[in-house]
């Protein structure tokens, strides 16, 4: 009977909806901070995607990974292409970035006929917090801030 009380306490503590949380980026007053992440997906897990801002390469984003970049404020067009292929990016995800703000962009892999694409969606910080405990920084995480312009 003694062991039931501590066990009940552990169960109640776990029921609070808490989860392990990775590092959250901090905003920079003169730049926009953008977090790109790719949640765990079984399909196309081995394929990485080159992510670009206004044509400038930011990172090659892999499955269950994230990266943080600092970009100049203003109109920004994000694109991606599978692997290191140097083919024109067709699908654009446009945003107006503001200095001092943090943006979270989820990349989902979609199959289209004979091609594989990454589709970007802006998400809230709380959505990112729910998923970032399982994410690891991609190997471009420490790249110097990019202008993206």
N, C-alpha and C. Protein backbone atom coordinates (compact mmCIF):
# COMPACT_ATOMS: atom_id res chain seq x y z
N UNK A 1 0.82 -1.20 0.00
CA UNK A 1 0.00 0.00 0.00
C UNK A 1 0.86 1.26 0.00
N UNK A 2 2.03 1.19 0.66
CA UNK A 2 2.90 2.36 0.74
C UNK A 2 3.36 2.84 -0.64
N UNK A 3 3.62 1.91 -1.53
CA UNK A 3 4.15 2.28 -2.83
C UNK A 3 3.09 2.90 -3.75
N UNK A 4 1.83 2.77 -3.43
CA UNK A 4 0.77 3.32 -4.28
C UNK A 4 0.72 4.85 -4.24
N UNK A 5 0.98 5.44 -3.06
CA UNK A 5 0.96 6.91 -2.96
C UNK A 5 2.04 7.56 -3.83
N UNK A 6 3.30 7.14 -3.76
CA UNK A 6 4.30 7.75 -4.65
C UNK A 6 3.98 7.51 -6.12
N UNK A 7 3.45 6.33 -6.45
CA UNK A 7 3.10 6.03 -7.82
C UNK A 7 1.97 6.94 -8.31
N UNK A 8 0.98 7.17 -7.46
CA UNK A 8 -0.12 8.07 -7.82
C UNK A 8 0.40 9.49 -8.02
N UNK A 9 1.35 9.92 -7.20
CA UNK A 9 1.93 11.25 -7.35
C UNK A 9 2.66 11.40 -8.68
N UNK A 10 3.39 10.38 -9.09
CA UNK A 10 4.10 10.41 -10.37
C UNK A 10 3.12 10.48 -11.52
N UNK A 11 2.05 9.72 -11.44
CA UNK A 11 1.04 9.74 -12.50
C UNK A 11 0.38 11.10 -12.62
N UNK A 12 0.06 11.72 -11.50
CA UNK A 12 -0.56 13.04 -11.52
C UNK A 12 0.41 14.10 -12.06
N UNK A 13 1.67 13.98 -11.71
CA UNK A 13 2.66 14.94 -12.20
C UNK A 13 2.82 14.82 -13.71
N UNK A 14 2.77 13.60 -14.22
CA UNK A 14 2.89 13.39 -15.66
C UNK A 14 1.66 13.80 -16.43
N UNK A 15 0.52 13.87 -15.75
CA UNK A 15 -0.73 14.22 -16.43
C UNK A 15 -0.88 15.71 -16.64
N UNK A 16 0.08 16.50 -16.16
CA UNK A 16 -0.02 17.95 -16.28
C UNK A 16 0.24 18.48 -17.67
N UNK A 17 0.50 17.61 -18.63
CA UNK A 17 0.71 18.07 -19.99
C UNK A 17 2.10 18.63 -20.23
N UNK A 18 3.01 18.36 -19.33
CA UNK A 18 4.36 18.88 -19.53
C UNK A 18 5.11 17.98 -20.49
N UNK A 19 6.12 18.55 -21.13
CA UNK A 19 6.94 17.79 -22.05
C UNK A 19 8.33 18.40 -22.03
N UNK A 20 9.31 17.59 -22.37
CA UNK A 20 10.67 18.12 -22.43
C UNK A 20 10.72 19.14 -23.55
N UNK A 21 11.48 20.18 -23.33
CA UNK A 21 11.49 21.25 -24.31
C UNK A 21 12.92 21.58 -24.68
N UNK A 22 13.15 21.74 -25.98
CA UNK A 22 14.45 22.14 -26.47
C UNK A 22 14.62 23.65 -26.34
N UNK A 23 15.73 24.12 -26.84
CA UNK A 23 16.06 25.54 -26.75
C UNK A 23 15.15 26.36 -27.65
N UNK A 24 14.65 27.48 -27.13
CA UNK A 24 13.86 28.42 -27.93
C UNK A 24 14.76 29.60 -28.29
N UNK A 25 14.71 30.06 -29.53
CA UNK A 25 15.57 31.16 -29.94
C UNK A 25 15.11 32.49 -29.35
N UNK A 26 16.04 33.40 -29.26
CA UNK A 26 15.70 34.74 -28.78
C UNK A 26 15.68 35.71 -29.96
N UNK A 27 14.85 36.70 -29.86
CA UNK A 27 14.72 37.70 -30.92
C UNK A 27 15.92 38.64 -30.90
N UNK A 28 16.21 39.20 -32.05
CA UNK A 28 17.28 40.19 -32.22
C UNK A 28 16.62 41.49 -32.65
N UNK A 29 16.96 42.62 -32.05
CA UNK A 29 16.24 43.87 -32.34
C UNK A 29 16.28 44.32 -33.79
N UNK A 30 17.39 44.08 -34.50
CA UNK A 30 17.50 44.60 -35.86
C UNK A 30 17.28 43.55 -36.95
N UNK A 31 17.06 42.29 -36.58
CA UNK A 31 16.87 41.20 -37.54
C UNK A 31 15.63 40.39 -37.18
N UNK A 32 15.12 39.67 -38.16
CA UNK A 32 14.03 38.72 -37.91
C UNK A 32 14.67 37.36 -37.67
N UNK A 33 14.14 36.63 -36.71
CA UNK A 33 14.64 35.29 -36.40
C UNK A 33 13.63 34.30 -36.96
N UNK A 34 14.12 33.35 -37.77
CA UNK A 34 13.24 32.36 -38.39
C UNK A 34 13.74 30.98 -38.03
N UNK A 35 12.82 30.17 -37.49
CA UNK A 35 13.12 28.79 -37.13
C UNK A 35 12.42 27.89 -38.14
N UNK A 36 13.20 27.10 -38.86
CA UNK A 36 12.65 26.10 -39.76
C UNK A 36 12.80 24.76 -39.09
N UNK A 37 11.75 23.93 -39.15
CA UNK A 37 11.89 22.59 -38.59
C UNK A 37 11.10 21.61 -39.43
N UNK A 38 11.56 20.37 -39.34
CA UNK A 38 10.92 19.27 -40.07
C UNK A 38 10.61 18.18 -39.07
N UNK A 39 9.32 17.98 -38.76
CA UNK A 39 8.96 16.95 -37.79
C UNK A 39 9.25 15.55 -38.32
N UNK A 40 9.26 14.60 -37.44
CA UNK A 40 9.53 13.21 -37.82
C UNK A 40 8.49 12.71 -38.81
N UNK A 41 8.96 12.19 -39.93
CA UNK A 41 8.08 11.60 -40.94
C UNK A 41 8.76 10.35 -41.47
N UNK A 42 8.01 9.28 -41.57
CA UNK A 42 8.57 8.04 -42.07
C UNK A 42 8.84 8.12 -43.57
N UNK A 43 7.88 8.68 -44.29
CA UNK A 43 8.03 8.80 -45.74
C UNK A 43 9.12 9.82 -46.07
N UNK A 44 10.03 9.46 -46.94
CA UNK A 44 11.11 10.33 -47.40
C UNK A 44 12.02 10.81 -46.27
N UNK A 45 12.18 10.01 -45.23
CA UNK A 45 13.00 10.40 -44.09
C UNK A 45 14.46 10.62 -44.48
N UNK A 46 14.93 9.89 -45.50
CA UNK A 46 16.33 9.99 -45.90
C UNK A 46 16.63 11.16 -46.82
N UNK A 47 15.62 11.86 -47.28
CA UNK A 47 15.82 12.97 -48.21
C UNK A 47 15.93 14.27 -47.44
N UNK A 48 16.98 15.05 -47.73
CA UNK A 48 17.05 16.38 -47.13
C UNK A 48 16.64 17.41 -48.19
N UNK A 49 16.29 18.60 -47.73
CA UNK A 49 15.80 19.64 -48.62
C UNK A 49 16.62 20.91 -48.43
N UNK A 50 17.08 21.48 -49.54
CA UNK A 50 17.79 22.74 -49.49
C UNK A 50 16.76 23.85 -49.32
N UNK A 51 16.88 24.62 -48.25
CA UNK A 51 15.96 25.72 -47.96
C UNK A 51 16.64 27.02 -48.35
N UNK A 52 15.94 27.86 -49.11
CA UNK A 52 16.49 29.13 -49.58
C UNK A 52 15.58 30.29 -49.19
N UNK A 53 16.20 31.45 -48.99
CA UNK A 53 15.46 32.71 -48.77
C UNK A 53 15.89 33.67 -49.87
N UNK A 54 14.94 34.09 -50.69
CA UNK A 54 15.22 34.98 -51.82
C UNK A 54 16.37 34.45 -52.67
N UNK A 55 16.42 33.13 -52.85
CA UNK A 55 17.42 32.50 -53.69
C UNK A 55 18.72 32.13 -52.99
N UNK A 56 18.98 32.65 -51.80
CA UNK A 56 20.21 32.35 -51.07
C UNK A 56 20.01 31.11 -50.20
N UNK A 57 20.93 30.14 -50.32
CA UNK A 57 20.81 28.90 -49.56
C UNK A 57 21.02 29.17 -48.07
N UNK A 58 20.08 28.64 -47.25
CA UNK A 58 20.17 28.77 -45.80
C UNK A 58 20.71 27.50 -45.16
N UNK A 59 20.15 26.35 -45.58
CA UNK A 59 20.49 25.09 -44.93
C UNK A 59 19.90 23.94 -45.73
N UNK A 60 20.42 22.75 -45.48
CA UNK A 60 19.79 21.52 -46.00
C UNK A 60 19.12 20.86 -44.81
N UNK A 61 17.81 20.90 -44.80
CA UNK A 61 17.01 20.46 -43.65
C UNK A 61 16.70 18.98 -43.75
N UNK A 62 17.04 18.24 -42.70
CA UNK A 62 16.84 16.80 -42.65
C UNK A 62 15.66 16.45 -41.74
N UNK A 63 15.27 15.19 -41.79
CA UNK A 63 14.17 14.67 -40.99
C UNK A 63 14.47 14.83 -39.50
N UNK A 64 13.50 15.27 -38.72
CA UNK A 64 13.59 15.47 -37.26
C UNK A 64 14.68 16.47 -36.89
N UNK A 65 14.84 17.51 -37.70
CA UNK A 65 15.87 18.52 -37.45
C UNK A 65 15.27 19.92 -37.53
N UNK A 66 16.03 20.89 -37.02
CA UNK A 66 15.64 22.29 -37.11
C UNK A 66 16.88 23.14 -37.33
N UNK A 67 16.68 24.36 -37.79
CA UNK A 67 17.76 25.34 -37.81
C UNK A 67 17.16 26.72 -37.60
N UNK A 68 18.00 27.62 -37.10
CA UNK A 68 17.59 28.98 -36.80
C UNK A 68 18.44 29.91 -37.66
N UNK A 69 17.81 30.89 -38.28
CA UNK A 69 18.55 31.86 -39.08
C UNK A 69 18.05 33.27 -38.77
N UNK A 70 18.92 34.22 -38.94
CA UNK A 70 18.56 35.64 -38.78
C UNK A 70 18.52 36.25 -40.17
N UNK A 71 17.43 36.94 -40.48
CA UNK A 71 17.25 37.54 -41.80
C UNK A 71 16.89 39.01 -41.68
N UNK A 72 17.21 39.75 -42.73
CA UNK A 72 16.83 41.17 -42.77
C UNK A 72 15.32 41.27 -42.85
N UNK A 73 14.74 42.28 -42.21
CA UNK A 73 13.29 42.48 -42.29
C UNK A 73 12.88 42.82 -43.72
N UNK A 74 11.63 42.50 -44.04
CA UNK A 74 11.09 42.83 -45.36
C UNK A 74 10.47 41.62 -46.03
N UNK A 75 10.07 41.82 -47.27
CA UNK A 75 9.47 40.73 -48.06
C UNK A 75 10.51 39.65 -48.30
N UNK A 76 10.15 38.43 -47.97
CA UNK A 76 11.07 37.30 -48.14
C UNK A 76 10.32 36.14 -48.75
N UNK A 77 10.95 35.51 -49.75
CA UNK A 77 10.37 34.36 -50.43
C UNK A 77 11.20 33.13 -50.08
N UNK A 78 10.56 32.15 -49.45
CA UNK A 78 11.24 30.91 -49.08
C UNK A 78 10.90 29.83 -50.09
N UNK A 79 11.90 29.05 -50.48
CA UNK A 79 11.71 27.93 -51.40
C UNK A 79 12.52 26.75 -50.89
N UNK A 80 12.26 25.58 -51.45
CA UNK A 80 13.04 24.39 -51.10
C UNK A 80 13.11 23.47 -52.32
N UNK A 81 14.15 22.65 -52.33
CA UNK A 81 14.32 21.65 -53.37
C UNK A 81 14.94 20.41 -52.75
N UNK A 82 14.53 19.24 -53.22
CA UNK A 82 15.02 17.99 -52.64
C UNK A 82 16.51 17.82 -52.89
N UNK A 83 17.23 17.41 -51.85
CA UNK A 83 18.66 17.14 -51.96
C UNK A 83 19.46 18.35 -52.38
N UNK A 84 20.55 18.09 -53.04
CA UNK A 84 21.41 19.17 -53.51
C UNK A 84 21.16 19.50 -54.97
N UNK A 85 20.03 19.08 -55.49
CA UNK A 85 19.74 19.32 -56.90
C UNK A 85 19.70 20.81 -57.19
N UNK A 86 20.21 21.18 -58.31
CA UNK A 86 20.23 22.59 -58.69
C UNK A 86 19.16 22.85 -59.74
N UNK A 87 17.91 22.55 -59.38
CA UNK A 87 16.80 22.81 -60.28
C UNK A 87 16.05 24.03 -59.78
N UNK A 88 15.38 24.73 -60.67
CA UNK A 88 14.66 25.94 -60.23
C UNK A 88 13.59 25.63 -59.19
N UNK A 89 13.51 26.49 -58.19
CA UNK A 89 12.46 26.37 -57.17
C UNK A 89 11.18 26.95 -57.75
N UNK A 90 10.10 26.20 -57.66
CA UNK A 90 8.83 26.66 -58.22
C UNK A 90 7.86 27.14 -57.16
N UNK A 91 7.76 26.40 -56.07
CA UNK A 91 6.80 26.74 -55.02
C UNK A 91 7.43 27.72 -54.05
N UNK A 92 6.80 28.87 -53.89
CA UNK A 92 7.32 29.89 -52.99
C UNK A 92 6.39 30.07 -51.81
N UNK A 93 7.00 30.36 -50.67
CA UNK A 93 6.26 30.68 -49.45
C UNK A 93 6.72 32.07 -49.04
N UNK A 94 5.88 33.06 -49.24
CA UNK A 94 6.25 34.44 -48.99
C UNK A 94 5.79 34.93 -47.63
N UNK A 95 6.63 35.77 -47.03
CA UNK A 95 6.32 36.37 -45.73
C UNK A 95 6.91 37.77 -45.69
N UNK A 96 6.30 38.62 -44.88
CA UNK A 96 6.89 39.92 -44.58
C UNK A 96 7.47 39.81 -43.18
N UNK A 97 8.80 39.79 -43.10
CA UNK A 97 9.48 39.62 -41.82
C UNK A 97 9.67 40.97 -41.14
N UNK A 98 9.50 40.98 -39.82
CA UNK A 98 9.68 42.19 -39.02
C UNK A 98 10.84 41.99 -38.06
N UNK A 99 11.63 43.04 -37.89
CA UNK A 99 12.75 43.00 -36.95
C UNK A 99 12.24 42.76 -35.53
N UNK A 100 12.99 41.99 -34.77
CA UNK A 100 12.64 41.75 -33.38
C UNK A 100 11.61 40.66 -33.17
N UNK A 101 11.18 39.99 -34.23
CA UNK A 101 10.18 38.93 -34.10
C UNK A 101 10.80 37.57 -34.42
N UNK A 102 10.19 36.52 -33.84
CA UNK A 102 10.60 35.15 -34.11
C UNK A 102 9.47 34.46 -34.87
N UNK A 103 9.81 33.81 -35.96
CA UNK A 103 8.85 33.09 -36.80
C UNK A 103 9.20 31.61 -36.78
N UNK A 104 8.17 30.76 -36.80
CA UNK A 104 8.35 29.31 -36.79
C UNK A 104 7.71 28.75 -38.05
N UNK A 105 8.52 28.03 -38.84
CA UNK A 105 8.04 27.48 -40.10
C UNK A 105 8.26 25.98 -40.11
N UNK A 106 7.17 25.25 -40.27
CA UNK A 106 7.22 23.79 -40.33
C UNK A 106 7.31 23.37 -41.79
N UNK A 107 8.19 22.43 -42.08
CA UNK A 107 8.32 21.89 -43.43
C UNK A 107 7.79 20.47 -43.46
N UNK A 108 6.77 20.24 -44.27
CA UNK A 108 6.18 18.91 -44.41
C UNK A 108 6.49 18.37 -45.80
N UNK A 109 6.87 17.11 -45.88
CA UNK A 109 7.20 16.48 -47.15
C UNK A 109 5.93 15.96 -47.79
N UNK A 110 5.74 16.32 -49.06
CA UNK A 110 4.56 15.90 -49.81
C UNK A 110 4.99 15.27 -51.12
N UNK A 111 4.29 14.23 -51.52
CA UNK A 111 4.54 13.59 -52.82
C UNK A 111 3.61 14.22 -53.85
N UNK A 112 4.16 14.60 -54.99
CA UNK A 112 3.37 15.15 -56.09
C UNK A 112 3.77 14.43 -57.37
N UNK A 113 2.87 13.62 -57.86
CA UNK A 113 3.13 12.81 -59.05
C UNK A 113 4.46 12.09 -58.92
N UNK A 114 5.48 12.53 -59.63
CA UNK A 114 6.78 11.86 -59.61
C UNK A 114 7.82 12.62 -58.80
N UNK A 115 7.42 13.67 -58.10
CA UNK A 115 8.38 14.48 -57.36
C UNK A 115 8.05 14.52 -55.88
N UNK A 116 9.04 14.93 -55.11
CA UNK A 116 8.89 15.11 -53.67
C UNK A 116 9.11 16.58 -53.38
N UNK A 117 8.21 17.18 -52.63
CA UNK A 117 8.30 18.62 -52.31
C UNK A 117 8.22 18.82 -50.80
N UNK A 118 8.78 19.94 -50.36
CA UNK A 118 8.60 20.36 -48.98
C UNK A 118 7.64 21.55 -49.00
N UNK A 119 6.59 21.44 -48.23
CA UNK A 119 5.58 22.50 -48.14
C UNK A 119 5.74 23.20 -46.80
N UNK A 120 5.88 24.52 -46.84
CA UNK A 120 6.08 25.31 -45.63
C UNK A 120 4.76 25.81 -45.08
N UNK A 121 4.67 25.83 -43.74
CA UNK A 121 3.52 26.38 -43.04
C UNK A 121 4.03 27.15 -41.83
N UNK A 122 3.56 28.39 -41.67
CA UNK A 122 3.92 29.13 -40.46
C UNK A 122 3.07 28.60 -39.31
N UNK A 123 3.71 28.34 -38.18
CA UNK A 123 3.01 27.82 -37.01
C UNK A 123 3.29 28.74 -35.82
N UNK A 124 2.52 28.56 -34.78
CA UNK A 124 2.68 29.36 -33.56
C UNK A 124 3.83 28.82 -32.72
N UNK A 125 4.28 29.63 -31.78
CA UNK A 125 5.34 29.19 -30.87
C UNK A 125 4.88 27.98 -30.06
N UNK A 126 3.62 27.95 -29.66
CA UNK A 126 3.15 26.82 -28.85
C UNK A 126 3.15 25.52 -29.66
N UNK A 127 2.84 25.59 -30.96
CA UNK A 127 2.91 24.40 -31.81
C UNK A 127 4.35 23.93 -31.91
N UNK A 128 5.26 24.86 -32.10
CA UNK A 128 6.69 24.50 -32.18
C UNK A 128 7.16 23.88 -30.86
N UNK A 129 6.74 24.46 -29.74
CA UNK A 129 7.15 23.93 -28.43
C UNK A 129 6.73 22.48 -28.25
N UNK A 130 5.57 22.11 -28.77
CA UNK A 130 5.08 20.75 -28.63
C UNK A 130 5.94 19.76 -29.42
N UNK A 131 6.58 20.24 -30.49
CA UNK A 131 7.33 19.34 -31.35
C UNK A 131 8.83 19.43 -31.18
N UNK A 132 9.35 20.49 -30.58
CA UNK A 132 10.79 20.68 -30.60
C UNK A 132 11.56 19.77 -29.64
N UNK A 133 10.89 19.10 -28.72
CA UNK A 133 11.60 18.20 -27.81
C UNK A 133 12.21 17.02 -28.57
N UNK A 134 11.61 16.64 -29.69
CA UNK A 134 12.10 15.51 -30.48
C UNK A 134 13.07 15.93 -31.58
N UNK A 135 13.31 17.22 -31.73
CA UNK A 135 14.14 17.71 -32.82
C UNK A 135 15.58 17.92 -32.39
N UNK A 136 16.47 17.76 -33.34
CA UNK A 136 17.89 18.02 -33.10
C UNK A 136 18.32 19.13 -34.07
N UNK A 137 19.33 19.92 -33.68
CA UNK A 137 19.79 20.95 -34.61
C UNK A 137 20.42 20.32 -35.84
N UNK A 138 20.14 20.90 -37.00
CA UNK A 138 20.76 20.41 -38.22
C UNK A 138 22.19 20.90 -38.26
N UNK A 139 23.02 20.32 -39.11
CA UNK A 139 24.44 20.65 -39.10
C UNK A 139 24.74 22.06 -39.61
N UNK A 140 23.76 22.79 -40.05
CA UNK A 140 23.98 24.18 -40.46
C UNK A 140 23.56 25.14 -39.36
N UNK A 141 23.19 24.63 -38.21
CA UNK A 141 22.70 25.44 -37.10
C UNK A 141 23.64 26.59 -36.74
N UNK A 142 24.93 26.37 -36.84
CA UNK A 142 25.89 27.38 -36.39
C UNK A 142 26.35 28.32 -37.51
N UNK A 143 25.68 28.30 -38.64
CA UNK A 143 26.04 29.17 -39.75
C UNK A 143 25.80 30.62 -39.36
N UNK A 144 26.67 31.51 -39.82
CA UNK A 144 26.52 32.93 -39.52
C UNK A 144 25.21 33.45 -40.07
N UNK A 145 24.64 34.50 -39.47
CA UNK A 145 23.38 35.04 -39.96
C UNK A 145 23.44 35.38 -41.44
N UNK A 146 22.36 35.08 -42.13
CA UNK A 146 22.28 35.32 -43.56
C UNK A 146 21.40 36.53 -43.83
N UNK A 147 21.70 37.22 -44.88
CA UNK A 147 20.87 38.37 -45.22
C UNK A 147 19.59 37.92 -45.90
N UNK A 148 19.67 36.80 -46.65
CA UNK A 148 18.48 36.32 -47.35
C UNK A 148 18.03 37.27 -48.42
N UNK A 149 18.77 38.31 -48.64
CA UNK A 149 18.38 39.33 -49.62
C UNK A 149 19.36 39.33 -50.76
